[in-house]
Amino acid sequence: MRLGQSLFAMRARRNGMSAMRLAVTAPTSLGRAVTRNRARRRVREALRVEIGRLTGAAGHDLVVVARAPAAEAPYPALRAAVRAALAALGRGKDQ
């Protein structure tokens, strides 16, 4: 399942396990290492907080690719985007 947001792109697939596995990446086109690391840290923290509140997304592998606005977006907007993506994941019909 592919989920697109203005702040990141997410791909999800069921893994048949009771745990969720997560990878957060940032392409070199995002900028220098400082910018890429900032974007990754911010997206990872928003995911950590929102996944902690979530109950139905276990059993998925997630790959999240940060986009340029994620490095500077307000944190509440980033959390809202993550919340929306995880809700769509819960509603999705992936394989």
PDB file of N, CA and C in Angstrom:
ATOM      1  N   MET A   1       0.852  -1.167   0.000  1.00  0.00           N
ATOM      2  CA  MET A   1       0.000   0.000   0.000  1.00  0.00           C
ATOM      3  C   MET A   1       0.900   1.234   0.000  1.00  0.00           C
ATOM      4  N   ARG A   2       0.584   2.191  -0.833  1.00  0.00           N
ATOM      5  CA  ARG A   2       1.335   3.433  -0.908  1.00  0.00           C
ATOM      6  C   ARG A   2       0.485   4.572  -0.369  1.00  0.00           C
ATOM      7  N   LEU A   3       1.101   5.373   0.485  1.00  0.00           N
ATOM      8  CA  LEU A   3       0.417   6.524   1.055  1.00  0.00           C
ATOM      9  C   LEU A   3       1.286   7.742   0.815  1.00  0.00           C
ATOM     10  N   GLY A   4       0.724   8.778   0.245  1.00  0.00           N
ATOM     11  CA  GLY A   4       1.488   9.985  -0.011  1.00  0.00           C
ATOM     12  C   GLY A   4       0.987  11.152   0.808  1.00  0.00           C
ATOM     13  N   GLN A   5       1.890  11.891   1.382  1.00  0.00           N
ATOM     14  CA  GLN A   5       1.603  13.114   2.116  1.00  0.00           C
ATOM     15  C   GLN A   5       2.554  14.166   1.565  1.00  0.00           C
ATOM     16  N   SER A   6       2.294  15.420   1.859  1.00  0.00           N
ATOM     17  CA  SER A   6       3.209  16.455   1.394  1.00  0.00           C
ATOM     18  C   SER A   6       4.526  16.411   2.169  1.00  0.00           C
ATOM     19  N   LEU A   7       4.527  15.824   3.361  1.00  0.00           N
ATOM     20  CA  LEU A   7       5.718  15.795   4.200  1.00  0.00           C
ATOM     21  C   LEU A   7       6.516  14.505   4.071  1.00  0.00           C
ATOM     22  N   PHE A   8       5.888  13.436   3.619  1.00  0.00           N
ATOM     23  CA  PHE A   8       6.574  12.156   3.472  1.00  0.00           C
ATOM     24  C   PHE A   8       5.753  11.236   2.589  1.00  0.00           C
ATOM     25  N   ALA A   9       6.392  10.190   2.123  1.00  0.00           N
ATOM     26  CA  ALA A   9       5.720   9.109   1.399  1.00  0.00           C
ATOM     27  C   ALA A   9       5.887   7.855   2.247  1.00  0.00           C
ATOM     28  N   MET A  10       4.865   7.014   2.259  1.00  0.00           N
ATOM     29  CA  MET A  10       4.911   5.806   3.084  1.00  0.00           C
ATOM     30  C   MET A  10       4.487   4.608   2.247  1.00  0.00           C
ATOM     31  N   ARG A  11       5.222   3.536   2.410  1.00  0.00           N
ATOM     32  CA  ARG A  11       4.838   2.257   1.824  1.00  0.00           C
ATOM     33  C   ARG A  11       4.671   1.267   2.956  1.00  0.00           C
ATOM     34  N   ALA A  12       3.628   0.478   2.864  1.00  0.00           N
ATOM     35  CA  ALA A  12       3.332  -0.480   3.925  1.00  0.00           C
ATOM     36  C   ALA A  12       2.988  -1.827   3.316  1.00  0.00           C
ATOM     37  N   ARG A  13       3.375  -2.864   4.036  1.00  0.00           N
ATOM     38  CA  ARG A  13       3.050  -4.229   3.622  1.00  0.00           C
ATOM     39  C   ARG A  13       2.905  -5.071   4.877  1.00  0.00           C
ATOM     40  N   ARG A  14       1.945  -5.954   4.862  1.00  0.00           N
ATOM     41  CA  ARG A  14       1.781  -6.871   5.993  1.00  0.00           C
ATOM     42  C   ARG A  14       3.017  -7.771   6.076  1.00  0.00           C
ATOM     43  N   ASN A  15       3.444  -8.059   7.306  1.00  0.00           N
ATOM     44  CA  ASN A  15       4.628  -8.893   7.476  1.00  0.00           C
ATOM     45  C   ASN A  15       4.333 -10.224   8.150  1.00  0.00           C
ATOM     46  N   GLY A  16       3.089 -10.456   8.557  1.00  0.00           N
ATOM     47  CA  GLY A  16       2.731 -11.726   9.171  1.00  0.00           C
ATOM     48  C   GLY A  16       3.253 -11.899  10.590  1.00  0.00           C
ATOM     49  N   MET A  17       3.745 -10.829  11.175  1.00  0.00           N
ATOM     50  CA  MET A  17       4.269 -10.870  12.534  1.00  0.00           C
ATOM     51  C   MET A  17       3.346 -10.053  13.433  1.00  0.00           C
ATOM     52  N   SER A  18       3.566 -10.143  14.719  1.00  0.00           N
ATOM     53  CA  SER A  18       2.751  -9.350  15.634  1.00  0.00           C
ATOM     54  C   SER A  18       3.382  -7.996  15.930  1.00  0.00           C
ATOM     55  N   ALA A  19       4.489  -7.693  15.290  1.00  0.00           N
ATOM     56  CA  ALA A  19       5.199  -6.435  15.532  1.00  0.00           C
ATOM     57  C   ALA A  19       5.238  -5.594  14.254  1.00  0.00           C
ATOM     58  N   MET A  20       5.421  -4.299  14.434  1.00  0.00           N
ATOM     59  CA  MET A  20       5.581  -3.390  13.312  1.00  0.00           C
ATOM     60  C   MET A  20       7.065  -3.091  13.158  1.00  0.00           C
ATOM     61  N   ARG A  21       7.542  -3.140  11.918  1.00  0.00           N
ATOM     62  CA  ARG A  21       8.923  -2.761  11.638  1.00  0.00           C
ATOM     63  C   ARG A  21       8.887  -1.465  10.844  1.00  0.00           C
ATOM     64  N   LEU A  22       9.857  -0.585  11.103  1.00  0.00           N
ATOM     65  CA  LEU A  22       9.822   0.758  10.561  1.00  0.00           C
ATOM     66  C   LEU A  22      11.197   1.154  10.053  1.00  0.00           C
ATOM     67  N   ALA A  23      11.233   1.779   8.866  1.00  0.00           N
ATOM     68  CA  ALA A  23      12.469   2.363   8.327  1.00  0.00           C
ATOM     69  C   ALA A  23      12.135   3.765   7.849  1.00  0.00           C
ATOM     70  N   VAL A  24      12.945   4.738   8.235  1.00  0.00           N
ATOM     71  CA  VAL A  24      12.761   6.126   7.809  1.00  0.00           C
ATOM     72  C   VAL A  24      13.992   6.521   7.016  1.00  0.00           C
ATOM     73  N   THR A  25      13.779   7.004   5.800  1.00  0.00           N
ATOM     74  CA  THR A  25      14.881   7.401   4.938  1.00  0.00           C
ATOM     75  C   THR A  25      14.682   8.835   4.466  1.00  0.00           C
ATOM     76  N   ALA A  26      15.766   9.402   3.939  1.00  0.00           N
ATOM     77  CA  ALA A  26      15.709  10.733   3.345  1.00  0.00           C
ATOM     78  C   ALA A  26      16.662  10.731   2.152  1.00  0.00           C
ATOM     79  N   PRO A  27      16.174  11.059   0.970  1.00  0.00           N
ATOM     80  CA  PRO A  27      17.035  11.033  -0.214  1.00  0.00           C
ATOM     81  C   PRO A  27      18.059  12.170  -0.181  1.00  0.00           C
ATOM     82  N   THR A  28      19.154  11.976  -0.895  1.00  0.00           N
ATOM     83  CA  THR A  28      20.183  13.017  -0.941  1.00  0.00           C
ATOM     84  C   THR A  28      19.675  14.283  -1.612  1.00  0.00           C
ATOM     85  N   SER A  29      18.632  14.163  -2.404  1.00  0.00           N
ATOM     86  CA  SER A  29      18.060  15.355  -3.055  1.00  0.00           C
ATOM     87  C   SER A  29      17.398  16.284  -2.040  1.00  0.00           C
ATOM     88  N   LEU A  30      17.204  15.801  -0.820  1.00  0.00           N
ATOM     89  CA  LEU A  30      16.613  16.616   0.243  1.00  0.00           C
ATOM     90  C   LEU A  30      17.561  17.715   0.694  1.00  0.00           C
ATOM     91  N   GLY A  31      18.849  17.481   0.556  1.00  0.00           N
ATOM     92  CA  GLY A  31      19.836  18.479   0.954  1.00  0.00           C
ATOM     93  C   GLY A  31      21.034  17.825   1.592  1.00  0.00           C
ATOM     94  N   ARG A  32      21.774  18.622   2.342  1.00  0.00           N
ATOM     95  CA  ARG A  32      22.975  18.127   3.000  1.00  0.00           C
ATOM     96  C   ARG A  32      22.606  17.208   4.166  1.00  0.00           C
ATOM     97  N   ALA A  33      23.608  16.571   4.735  1.00  0.00           N
ATOM     98  CA  ALA A  33      23.384  15.574   5.785  1.00  0.00           C
ATOM     99  C   ALA A  33      22.616  16.146   6.973  1.00  0.00           C
ATOM    100  N   VAL A  34      22.895  17.381   7.341  1.00  0.00           N
ATOM    101  CA  VAL A  34      22.209  17.989   8.488  1.00  0.00           C
ATOM    102  C   VAL A  34      20.705  18.068   8.231  1.00  0.00           C
ATOM    103  N   THR A  35      20.328  18.480   7.046  1.00  0.00           N
ATOM    104  CA  THR A  35      18.911  18.600   6.687  1.00  0.00           C
ATOM    105  C   THR A  35      18.255  17.235   6.616  1.00  0.00           C
ATOM    106  N   ARG A  36      18.938  16.275   6.005  1.00  0.00           N
ATOM    107  CA  ARG A  36      18.380  14.919   5.906  1.00  0.00           C
ATOM    108  C   ARG A  36      18.195  14.306   7.285  1.00  0.00           C
ATOM    109  N   ASN A  37      19.183  14.461   8.150  1.00  0.00           N
ATOM    110  CA  ASN A  37      19.085  13.898   9.495  1.00  0.00           C
ATOM    111  C   ASN A  37      17.969  14.561  10.290  1.00  0.00           C
ATOM    112  N   ARG A  38      17.825  15.870  10.154  1.00  0.00           N
ATOM    113  CA  ARG A  38      16.754  16.576  10.861  1.00  0.00           C
ATOM    114  C   ARG A  38      15.394  16.060  10.404  1.00  0.00           C
ATOM    115  N   ALA A  39      15.221  15.909   9.102  1.00  0.00           N
ATOM    116  CA  ALA A  39      13.941  15.416   8.572  1.00  0.00           C
ATOM    117  C   ALA A  39      13.658  14.003   9.086  1.00  0.00           C
ATOM    118  N   ARG A  40      14.677  13.142   9.059  1.00  0.00           N
ATOM    119  CA  ARG A  40      14.494  11.767   9.555  1.00  0.00           C
ATOM    120  C   ARG A  40      14.136  11.748  11.032  1.00  0.00           C
ATOM    121  N   ARG A  41      14.837  12.516  11.840  1.00  0.00           N
ATOM    122  CA  ARG A  41      14.565  12.546  13.282  1.00  0.00           C
ATOM    123  C   ARG A  41      13.156  13.029  13.578  1.00  0.00           C
ATOM    124  N   ARG A  42      12.725  14.072  12.875  1.00  0.00           N
ATOM    125  CA  ARG A  42      11.403  14.634  13.131  1.00  0.00           C
ATOM    126  C   ARG A  42      10.303  13.653  12.726  1.00  0.00           C
ATOM    127  N   VAL A  43      10.457  13.022  11.579  1.00  0.00           N
ATOM    128  CA  VAL A  43       9.459  12.049  11.125  1.00  0.00           C
ATOM    129  C   VAL A  43       9.454  10.838  12.056  1.00  0.00           C
ATOM    130  N   ARG A  44      10.632  10.364  12.443  1.00  0.00           N
ATOM    131  CA  ARG A  44      10.715   9.206  13.342  1.00  0.00           C
ATOM    132  C   ARG A  44      10.051   9.496  14.689  1.00  0.00           C
ATOM    133  N   GLU A  45      10.259  10.685  15.229  1.00  0.00           N
ATOM    134  CA  GLU A  45       9.650  11.031  16.513  1.00  0.00           C
ATOM    135  C   GLU A  45       8.127  11.127  16.390  1.00  0.00           C
ATOM    136  N   ALA A  46       7.634  11.739  15.328  1.00  0.00           N
ATOM    137  CA  ALA A  46       6.186  11.817  15.125  1.00  0.00           C
ATOM    138  C   ALA A  46       5.593  10.411  14.996  1.00  0.00           C
ATOM    139  N   LEU A  47       6.279   9.531  14.287  1.00  0.00           N
ATOM    140  CA  LEU A  47       5.811   8.152  14.169  1.00  0.00           C
ATOM    141  C   LEU A  47       5.830   7.446  15.518  1.00  0.00           C
ATOM    142  N   ARG A  48       6.881   7.654  16.305  1.00  0.00           N
ATOM    143  CA  ARG A  48       6.978   7.003  17.604  1.00  0.00           C
ATOM    144  C   ARG A  48       5.802   7.392  18.500  1.00  0.00           C
ATOM    145  N   VAL A  49       5.475   8.676  18.510  1.00  0.00           N
ATOM    146  CA  VAL A  49       4.383   9.148  19.351  1.00  0.00           C
ATOM    147  C   VAL A  49       3.043   8.616  18.855  1.00  0.00           C
ATOM    148  N   GLU A  50       2.804   8.683  17.575  1.00  0.00           N
ATOM    149  CA  GLU A  50       1.507   8.275  17.033  1.00  0.00           C
ATOM    150  C   GLU A  50       1.332   6.760  17.017  1.00  0.00           C
ATOM    151  N   ILE A  51       2.392   6.013  16.792  1.00  0.00           N
ATOM    152  CA  ILE A  51       2.281   4.548  16.819  1.00  0.00           C
ATOM    153  C   ILE A  51       1.987   4.087  18.243  1.00  0.00           C
ATOM    154  N   GLY A  52       2.518   4.796  19.225  1.00  0.00           N
ATOM    155  CA  GLY A  52       2.234   4.464  20.615  1.00  0.00           C
ATOM    156  C   GLY A  52       0.757   4.557  20.943  1.00  0.00           C
ATOM    157  N   ARG A  53       0.036   5.431  20.243  1.00  0.00           N
ATOM    158  CA  ARG A  53      -1.405   5.593  20.464  1.00  0.00           C
ATOM    159  C   ARG A  53      -2.230   4.613  19.637  1.00  0.00           C
ATOM    160  N   LEU A  54      -1.607   3.976  18.677  1.00  0.00           N
ATOM    161  CA  LEU A  54      -2.300   3.143  17.706  1.00  0.00           C
ATOM    162  C   LEU A  54      -2.368   1.703  18.198  1.00  0.00           C
ATOM    163  N   THR A  55      -3.454   1.027  17.870  1.00  0.00           N
ATOM    164  CA  THR A  55      -3.573  -0.367  18.282  1.00  0.00           C
ATOM    165  C   THR A  55      -3.651  -1.324  17.099  1.00  0.00           C
ATOM    166  N   GLY A  56      -4.104  -0.886  15.929  1.00  0.00           N
ATOM    167  CA  GLY A  56      -4.371  -1.820  14.849  1.00  0.00           C
ATOM    168  C   GLY A  56      -3.348  -1.923  13.750  1.00  0.00           C
ATOM    169  N   ALA A  57      -2.183  -1.309  13.870  1.00  0.00           N
ATOM    170  CA  ALA A  57      -1.228  -1.320  12.766  1.00  0.00           C
ATOM    171  C   ALA A  57      -0.117  -2.338  12.954  1.00  0.00           C
ATOM    172  N   ALA A  58      -0.148  -3.113  14.013  1.00  0.00           N
ATOM    173  CA  ALA A  58       0.883  -4.137  14.201  1.00  0.00           C
ATOM    174  C   ALA A  58       0.796  -5.126  13.050  1.00  0.00           C
ATOM    175  N   GLY A  59       1.928  -5.733  12.737  1.00  0.00           N
ATOM    176  CA  GLY A  59       1.950  -6.692  11.638  1.00  0.00           C
ATOM    177  C   GLY A  59       2.205  -6.069  10.293  1.00  0.00           C
ATOM    178  N   HIS A  60       2.824  -4.886  10.278  1.00  0.00           N
ATOM    179  CA  HIS A  60       3.154  -4.206   9.028  1.00  0.00           C
ATOM    180  C   HIS A  60       4.627  -3.831   9.012  1.00  0.00           C
ATOM    181  N   ASP A  61       5.186  -3.806   7.823  1.00  0.00           N
ATOM    182  CA  ASP A  61       6.488  -3.203   7.589  1.00  0.00           C
ATOM    183  C   ASP A  61       6.224  -1.842   6.965  1.00  0.00           C
ATOM    184  N   LEU A  62       6.827  -0.795   7.499  1.00  0.00           N
ATOM    185  CA  LEU A  62       6.649   0.553   6.973  1.00  0.00           C
ATOM    186  C   LEU A  62       7.982   1.098   6.500  1.00  0.00           C
ATOM    187  N   VAL A  63       7.987   1.681   5.319  1.00  0.00           N
ATOM    188  CA  VAL A  63       9.129   2.431   4.816  1.00  0.00           C
ATOM    189  C   VAL A  63       8.626   3.841   4.580  1.00  0.00           C
ATOM    190  N   VAL A  64       9.230   4.795   5.264  1.00  0.00           N
ATOM    191  CA  VAL A  64       8.818   6.189   5.187  1.00  0.00           C
ATOM    192  C   VAL A  64       9.958   6.984   4.570  1.00  0.00           C
ATOM    193  N   VAL A  65       9.647   7.724   3.513  1.00  0.00           N
ATOM    194  CA  VAL A  65      10.632   8.562   2.836  1.00  0.00           C
ATOM    195  C   VAL A  65      10.273  10.014   3.121  1.00  0.00           C
ATOM    196  N   ALA A  66      11.136  10.693   3.862  1.00  0.00           N
ATOM    197  CA  ALA A  66      10.895  12.092   4.210  1.00  0.00           C
ATOM    198  C   ALA A  66      11.015  12.969   2.963  1.00  0.00           C
ATOM    199  N   ARG A  67      10.179  13.970   2.901  1.00  0.00           N
ATOM    200  CA  ARG A  67      10.253  14.960   1.830  1.00  0.00           C
ATOM    201  C   ARG A  67      10.759  16.271   2.410  1.00  0.00           C
ATOM    202  N   ALA A  68      11.185  17.179   1.545  1.00  0.00           N
ATOM    203  CA  ALA A  68      11.840  18.423   1.977  1.00  0.00           C
ATOM    204  C   ALA A  68      11.061  19.216   3.023  1.00  0.00           C
ATOM    205  N   PRO A  69       9.748  19.391   2.911  1.00  0.00           N
ATOM    206  CA  PRO A  69       9.040  20.188   3.915  1.00  0.00           C
ATOM    207  C   PRO A  69       9.069  19.583   5.322  1.00  0.00           C
ATOM    208  N   ALA A  70       9.375  18.294   5.456  1.00  0.00           N
ATOM    209  CA  ALA A  70       9.371  17.649   6.776  1.00  0.00           C
ATOM    210  C   ALA A  70      10.439  18.229   7.700  1.00  0.00           C
ATOM    211  N   ALA A  71      11.523  18.744   7.141  1.00  0.00           N
ATOM    212  CA  ALA A  71      12.607  19.278   7.972  1.00  0.00           C
ATOM    213  C   ALA A  71      12.209  20.577   8.660  1.00  0.00           C
ATOM    214  N   GLU A  72      11.268  21.324   8.079  1.00  0.00           N
ATOM    215  CA  GLU A  72      10.909  22.633   8.626  1.00  0.00           C
ATOM    216  C   GLU A  72       9.437  22.777   9.007  1.00  0.00           C
ATOM    217  N   ALA A  73       8.642  21.765   8.747  1.00  0.00           N
ATOM    218  CA  ALA A  73       7.202  21.858   9.030  1.00  0.00           C
ATOM    219  C   ALA A  73       6.954  21.961  10.530  1.00  0.00           C
ATOM    220  N   PRO A  74       5.891  22.649  10.933  1.00  0.00           N
ATOM    221  CA  PRO A  74       5.550  22.677  12.360  1.00  0.00           C
ATOM    222  C   PRO A  74       5.281  21.255  12.852  1.00  0.00           C
ATOM    223  N   TYR A  75       5.747  20.975  14.060  1.00  0.00           N
ATOM    224  CA  TYR A  75       5.615  19.627  14.591  1.00  0.00           C
ATOM    225  C   TYR A  75       4.158  19.151  14.669  1.00  0.00           C
ATOM    226  N   PRO A  76       3.197  19.993  15.075  1.00  0.00           N
ATOM    227  CA  PRO A  76       1.794  19.515  15.078  1.00  0.00           C
ATOM    228  C   PRO A  76       1.302  19.110  13.684  1.00  0.00           C
ATOM    229  N   ALA A  77       1.757  19.809  12.655  1.00  0.00           N
ATOM    230  CA  ALA A  77       1.367  19.441  11.288  1.00  0.00           C
ATOM    231  C   ALA A  77       1.983  18.106  10.896  1.00  0.00           C
ATOM    232  N   LEU A  78       3.211  17.881  11.319  1.00  0.00           N
ATOM    233  CA  LEU A  78       3.872  16.615  11.029  1.00  0.00           C
ATOM    234  C   LEU A  78       3.151  15.462  11.726  1.00  0.00           C
ATOM    235  N   ARG A  79       2.793  15.657  12.991  1.00  0.00           N
ATOM    236  CA  ARG A  79       2.048  14.616  13.716  1.00  0.00           C
ATOM    237  C   ARG A  79       0.689  14.368  13.089  1.00  0.00           C
ATOM    238  N   ALA A  80       0.017  15.408  12.627  1.00  0.00           N
ATOM    239  CA  ALA A  80      -1.289  15.240  11.988  1.00  0.00           C
ATOM    240  C   ALA A  80      -1.153  14.443  10.693  1.00  0.00           C
ATOM    241  N   ALA A  81      -0.101  14.693   9.924  1.00  0.00           N
ATOM    242  CA  ALA A  81       0.122  13.943   8.687  1.00  0.00           C
ATOM    243  C   ALA A  81       0.400  12.474   8.992  1.00  0.00           C
ATOM    244  N   VAL A  82       1.189  12.218  10.022  1.00  0.00           N
ATOM    245  CA  VAL A  82       1.475  10.836  10.419  1.00  0.00           C
ATOM    246  C   VAL A  82       0.199  10.150  10.893  1.00  0.00           C
ATOM    247  N   ARG A  83      -0.586  10.851  11.694  1.00  0.00           N
ATOM    248  CA  ARG A  83      -1.844  10.294  12.194  1.00  0.00           C
ATOM    249  C   ARG A  83      -2.763   9.922  11.034  1.00  0.00           C
ATOM    250  N   ALA A  84      -2.870  10.806  10.039  1.00  0.00           N
ATOM    251  CA  ALA A  84      -3.727  10.539   8.877  1.00  0.00           C
ATOM    252  C   ALA A  84      -3.213   9.341   8.083  1.00  0.00           C
ATOM    253  N   ALA A  85      -1.900   9.243   7.900  1.00  0.00           N
ATOM    254  CA  ALA A  85      -1.336   8.122   7.148  1.00  0.00           C
ATOM    255  C   ALA A  85      -1.557   6.804   7.877  1.00  0.00           C
ATOM    256  N   LEU A  86      -1.366   6.802   9.190  1.00  0.00           N
ATOM    257  CA  LEU A  86      -1.585   5.571   9.953  1.00  0.00           C
ATOM    258  C   LEU A  86      -3.059   5.184   9.992  1.00  0.00           C
ATOM    259  N   ALA A  87      -3.942   6.164  10.007  1.00  0.00           N
ATOM    260  CA  ALA A  87      -5.376   5.863   9.951  1.00  0.00           C
ATOM    261  C   ALA A  87      -5.728   5.239   8.610  1.00  0.00           C
ATOM    262  N   ALA A  88      -5.157   5.770   7.534  1.00  0.00           N
ATOM    263  CA  ALA A  88      -5.391   5.195   6.201  1.00  0.00           C
ATOM    264  C   ALA A  88      -4.827   3.785   6.136  1.00  0.00           C
ATOM    265  N   LEU A  89      -3.712   3.546   6.801  1.00  0.00           N
ATOM    266  CA  LEU A  89      -3.138   2.215   6.845  1.00  0.00           C
ATOM    267  C   LEU A  89      -4.084   1.239   7.538  1.00  0.00           C
ATOM    268  N   GLY A  90      -4.704   1.694   8.623  1.00  0.00           N
ATOM    269  CA  GLY A  90      -5.667   0.865   9.338  1.00  0.00           C
ATOM    270  C   GLY A  90      -6.898   0.538   8.515  1.00  0.00           C
ATOM    271  N   ARG A  91      -7.278   1.455   7.608  1.00  0.00           N
ATOM    272  CA  ARG A  91      -8.454   1.241   6.747  1.00  0.00           C
ATOM    273  C   ARG A  91      -8.109   0.500   5.469  1.00  0.00           C
ATOM    274  N   GLY A  92      -6.807   0.451   5.141  1.00  0.00           N
ATOM    275  CA  GLY A  92      -6.374  -0.073   3.844  1.00  0.00           C
ATOM    276  C   GLY A  92      -6.611  -1.548   3.654  1.00  0.00           C
ATOM    277  N   LYS A  93      -6.592  -1.920   2.389  1.00  0.00           N
ATOM    278  CA  LYS A  93      -6.791  -3.331   2.030  1.00  0.00           C
ATOM    279  C   LYS A  93      -5.547  -3.833   1.343  1.00  0.00           C
ATOM    280  N   ASP A  94      -4.392  -3.716   2.030  1.00  0.00           N
ATOM    281  CA  ASP A  94      -3.149  -4.178   1.419  1.00  0.00           C
ATOM    282  C   ASP A  94      -3.001  -5.680   1.611  1.00  0.00           C
ATOM    283  N   GLN A  95      -1.989  -6.230   0.963  1.00  0.00           N
ATOM    284  CA  GLN A  95      -1.823  -7.680   1.001  1.00  0.00           C
ATOM    285  C   GLN A  95      -0.666  -8.090   1.847  1.00  0.00           C
TER     286      GLN A  95
END
